[in-house]
């Protein structure tokens, strides 16, 4: 399973994700792809630029697709530029893939505002994998979720299974690379919110013009 799929499952399953917007999640999913490609050594970071290596077969259609879209000639793309280019519509693509592969369904637990008919992931290996990483406070998954404002439940609110001794991290991403990617995700999310605020101000100003006597 990939970090992007795990992040989507967390966004569907954790109550604090109810206000996550489609654009925000898309940017974070693109960041998750970068981290997974770093882990399988399909690319390296040169500063904040993505330098592709040999393509790796990952057995995940969307992650393999991400590899084909990497800029393979210098000057290489920065992480943040990748987030904006790759992130367009990415949340919907991952949600559609989750549904087609039968990993959603079962009891309805939580909806994302832009997917009003979505159901929580079914009790499946994919969901259990994401839940295990989440309960283990795995740095990559928790870092991306935190950028989206998704917080873990306080210890007093966890179930007995969640309170069990967590498994170790299953990622080998370099801490410096993780910090670089998370910073780029945070910057992109801040920029996206600034764009939204400007639009709201412009829309309010336009409404005021028409309401003026």
Protein backbone atom coordinates (compact mmCIF):
# COMPACT_ATOMS: atom_id res chain seq x y z
CA UNK A 1 0.00 0.00 0.00
CA UNK A 2 1.09 3.57 -0.64
CA UNK A 3 1.18 6.57 1.65
CA UNK A 4 -1.28 8.41 -0.59
CA UNK A 5 -3.86 5.63 -0.23
CA UNK A 6 -3.25 5.44 3.51
CA UNK A 7 -3.68 9.23 3.79
CA UNK A 8 -6.98 9.10 1.92
CA UNK A 9 -8.25 6.34 4.21
CA UNK A 10 -7.25 8.40 7.25
CA UNK A 11 -9.08 11.39 5.77
CA UNK A 12 -12.20 9.25 5.41
CA UNK A 13 -11.94 7.63 8.82
CA UNK A 14 -10.70 10.25 11.29
CA UNK A 15 -13.40 12.69 12.52
CA UNK A 16 -11.03 15.68 12.59
CA UNK A 17 -10.72 15.39 8.77
CA UNK A 18 -14.32 16.42 8.15
CA UNK A 19 -13.36 19.91 7.00
CA UNK A 20 -10.52 18.89 4.66
CA UNK A 21 -11.13 20.35 1.21
CA UNK A 22 -10.55 18.58 -2.08
CA UNK A 23 -7.76 20.94 -3.13
CA UNK A 24 -5.95 20.62 0.18
CA UNK A 25 -6.11 16.83 0.11
CA UNK A 26 -4.95 16.75 -3.51
CA UNK A 27 -1.82 18.73 -2.64
CA UNK A 28 -1.05 16.45 0.30
CA UNK A 29 -1.58 13.33 -1.82
CA UNK A 30 0.91 14.66 -4.36
CA UNK A 31 3.35 15.13 -1.50
CA UNK A 32 2.69 11.57 -0.35
CA UNK A 33 3.59 10.34 -3.83
CA UNK A 34 6.92 12.17 -3.65
CA UNK A 35 7.73 10.50 -0.34
CA UNK A 36 6.84 7.05 -1.66
CA UNK A 37 8.94 7.60 -4.79
CA UNK A 38 11.84 8.68 -2.60
CA UNK A 39 11.45 5.53 -0.54
CA UNK A 40 11.58 3.21 -3.57
CA UNK A 41 14.51 5.28 -4.93
CA UNK A 42 12.63 6.35 -8.05
CA UNK A 43 13.88 9.89 -7.40
CA UNK A 44 16.18 11.88 -5.14
CA UNK A 45 16.04 15.40 -3.80
CA UNK A 46 18.58 17.97 -4.95
CA UNK A 47 17.80 20.77 -2.57
CA UNK A 48 14.07 21.14 -3.13
CA UNK A 49 14.14 19.77 -6.70
CA UNK A 50 12.99 16.31 -7.78
CA UNK A 51 15.72 14.42 -9.64
CA UNK A 52 14.26 11.23 -11.18
CA UNK A 53 16.16 7.94 -11.11
CA UNK A 54 15.32 4.76 -13.00
CA UNK A 55 11.61 3.98 -12.99
CA UNK A 56 10.50 1.41 -10.45
CA UNK A 57 7.50 -0.90 -10.73
CA UNK A 58 5.45 -0.24 -7.61
CA UNK A 59 2.35 -2.35 -8.32
CA UNK A 60 0.26 0.77 -7.74
CA UNK A 61 -1.29 2.31 -10.83
CA UNK A 62 -1.43 5.88 -9.57
CA UNK A 63 2.09 5.84 -8.17
CA UNK A 64 3.41 4.37 -11.41
CA UNK A 65 1.53 7.10 -13.26
CA UNK A 66 3.20 9.68 -11.03
CA UNK A 67 6.62 8.37 -12.09
CA UNK A 68 5.80 8.86 -15.76
CA UNK A 69 4.91 12.50 -15.09
CA UNK A 70 8.19 13.46 -13.45
CA UNK A 71 10.26 16.08 -15.29
CA UNK A 72 13.34 14.14 -16.44
CA UNK A 73 15.41 16.97 -17.86
CA UNK A 74 17.17 19.76 -16.00
CA UNK A 75 16.18 22.12 -14.57
CA UNK A 76 14.21 19.66 -12.50
CA UNK A 77 10.87 20.58 -10.99
CA UNK A 78 10.70 21.78 -7.40
CA UNK A 79 8.60 19.86 -4.92
CA UNK A 80 6.09 22.69 -4.67
CA UNK A 81 5.74 23.00 -8.44
CA UNK A 82 5.09 19.25 -8.56
CA UNK A 83 2.40 19.56 -5.91
CA UNK A 84 0.47 22.10 -7.95
CA UNK A 85 0.86 20.28 -11.26
CA UNK A 86 0.32 16.71 -10.10
CA UNK A 87 -2.23 17.65 -7.44
CA UNK A 88 -4.90 18.86 -9.83
CA UNK A 89 -7.88 16.54 -9.27
CA UNK A 90 -5.71 13.98 -7.48
CA UNK A 91 -8.03 13.50 -4.50
CA UNK A 92 -10.88 12.46 -6.78
CA UNK A 93 -8.58 10.11 -8.69
CA UNK A 94 -7.55 8.31 -5.50
CA UNK A 95 -11.11 8.22 -4.16
CA UNK A 96 -12.34 6.72 -7.45
CA UNK A 97 -9.56 4.12 -7.37
CA UNK A 98 -10.45 3.18 -3.80
CA UNK A 99 -14.07 2.61 -4.80
CA UNK A 100 -13.25 0.65 -7.96
CA UNK A 101 -10.91 -1.64 -6.08
CA UNK A 102 -13.59 -2.46 -3.53
CA UNK A 103 -11.86 -0.87 -0.57
CA UNK A 104 -14.81 1.33 0.39
CA UNK A 105 -18.20 0.41 1.64
CA UNK A 106 -19.67 -1.01 4.79
CA UNK A 107 -21.02 1.10 7.60
CA UNK A 108 -21.04 4.81 6.85
CA UNK A 109 -18.82 6.60 9.31
CA UNK A 110 -17.57 9.83 7.83
CA UNK A 111 -17.97 11.95 4.71
CA UNK A 112 -15.66 14.39 3.08
CA UNK A 113 -17.56 17.56 2.11
CA UNK A 114 -16.66 17.23 -1.59
CA UNK A 115 -17.62 13.53 -1.72
CA UNK A 116 -21.07 13.59 -0.14
CA UNK A 117 -21.78 10.00 -1.08
CA UNK A 118 -18.48 8.57 0.07
CA UNK A 119 -18.49 5.88 2.69
CA UNK A 120 -15.73 4.92 5.06
CA UNK A 121 -13.25 2.32 3.84
CA UNK A 122 -14.37 -1.24 4.36
CA UNK A 123 -12.73 -3.50 6.91
CA UNK A 124 -10.02 -4.59 4.50
CA UNK A 125 -6.25 -5.14 4.43
CA UNK A 126 -5.89 -1.62 2.99
CA UNK A 127 -7.81 -0.04 5.84
CA UNK A 128 -6.02 -2.12 8.46
CA UNK A 129 -2.65 -1.11 6.98
CA UNK A 130 -3.57 2.58 7.11
CA UNK A 131 -4.94 2.22 10.63
CA UNK A 132 -1.79 0.46 11.81
CA UNK A 133 0.41 3.27 10.46
CA UNK A 134 -1.86 5.89 12.00
CA UNK A 135 -1.97 4.24 15.42
CA UNK A 136 1.81 3.77 15.30
CA UNK A 137 2.22 7.54 14.75
CA UNK A 138 4.29 6.76 11.66
CA UNK A 139 6.07 10.08 10.90
CA UNK A 140 5.33 10.30 7.17
CA UNK A 141 1.59 9.64 7.46
CA UNK A 142 1.11 11.66 10.64
CA UNK A 143 3.15 14.56 9.21
CA UNK A 144 1.03 14.79 6.07
CA UNK A 145 -2.18 14.46 8.07
CA UNK A 146 -1.07 17.19 10.47
CA UNK A 147 -0.45 19.54 7.54
CA UNK A 148 -4.13 19.04 6.68
CA UNK A 149 -5.22 19.68 10.25
CA UNK A 150 -6.05 16.02 10.86
CA UNK A 151 -5.18 15.20 14.45
CA UNK A 152 -5.03 11.88 16.25
CA UNK A 153 -7.58 11.18 18.96
CA UNK A 154 -6.41 11.93 22.51
CA UNK A 155 -5.33 8.77 24.36
CA UNK A 156 -8.50 8.77 26.48
CA UNK A 157 -10.64 8.56 23.33
CA UNK A 158 -8.84 5.63 21.70
CA UNK A 159 -10.23 2.15 21.61
CA UNK A 160 -8.42 -0.70 23.33
CA UNK A 161 -6.94 -1.85 20.02
CA UNK A 162 -5.70 1.64 19.25
CA UNK A 163 -4.11 1.92 22.69
CA UNK A 164 -2.06 -1.22 22.13
CA UNK A 165 1.72 -1.04 21.70
CA UNK A 166 2.22 0.51 18.25
CA UNK A 167 4.15 -1.17 15.49
CA UNK A 168 7.39 0.42 14.30
CA UNK A 169 7.61 2.76 11.33
CA UNK A 170 7.49 1.03 7.95
CA UNK A 171 9.16 3.87 6.07
CA UNK A 172 12.80 4.59 5.35
CA UNK A 173 12.42 8.15 4.09
CA UNK A 174 15.35 10.35 5.09
CA UNK A 175 14.27 12.82 7.83
CA UNK A 176 15.68 15.78 5.90
CA UNK A 177 13.74 14.78 2.78
CA UNK A 178 10.59 14.37 4.86
CA UNK A 179 11.08 17.84 6.32
CA UNK A 180 11.57 19.32 2.83
CA UNK A 181 8.42 17.70 1.44
CA UNK A 182 6.28 18.55 4.45
CA UNK A 183 7.46 22.17 4.28
CA UNK A 184 6.51 22.33 0.60
CA UNK A 185 3.09 20.84 1.35
CA UNK A 186 2.58 23.38 4.14
CA UNK A 187 3.59 26.27 1.86
CA UNK A 188 1.25 25.09 -0.89
CA UNK A 189 -1.65 24.74 1.53
CA UNK A 190 -1.00 28.23 2.87
CA UNK A 191 -0.95 29.62 -0.67
CA UNK A 192 -4.17 27.80 -1.53
CA UNK A 193 -5.91 29.29 1.49
CA UNK A 194 -4.63 32.76 0.54
CA UNK A 195 -6.14 32.33 -2.93
CA UNK A 196 -9.46 31.37 -1.35
CA UNK A 197 -9.39 34.40 0.90
CA UNK A 198 -8.70 36.72 -2.03
CA UNK A 199 -11.61 35.22 -3.92
CA UNK A 200 -13.92 35.66 -0.95
CA UNK A 201 -12.89 39.30 -0.63
CA UNK A 202 -13.44 39.88 -4.35
CA UNK A 203 -16.82 38.17 -4.25
CA UNK A 204 -17.89 40.21 -1.22
CA UNK A 205 -16.78 43.41 -2.92
CA UNK A 206 -18.73 42.48 -6.05
CA UNK A 207 -21.85 41.76 -3.98
CA UNK A 208 -21.52 45.10 -2.21
CA UNK A 209 -21.41 46.93 -5.53
CA UNK A 210 -24.75 45.46 -6.58
CA UNK A 211 -26.29 46.09 -3.16
CA UNK A 212 -25.22 49.74 -3.10
CA UNK A 213 -28.11 52.22 -3.54
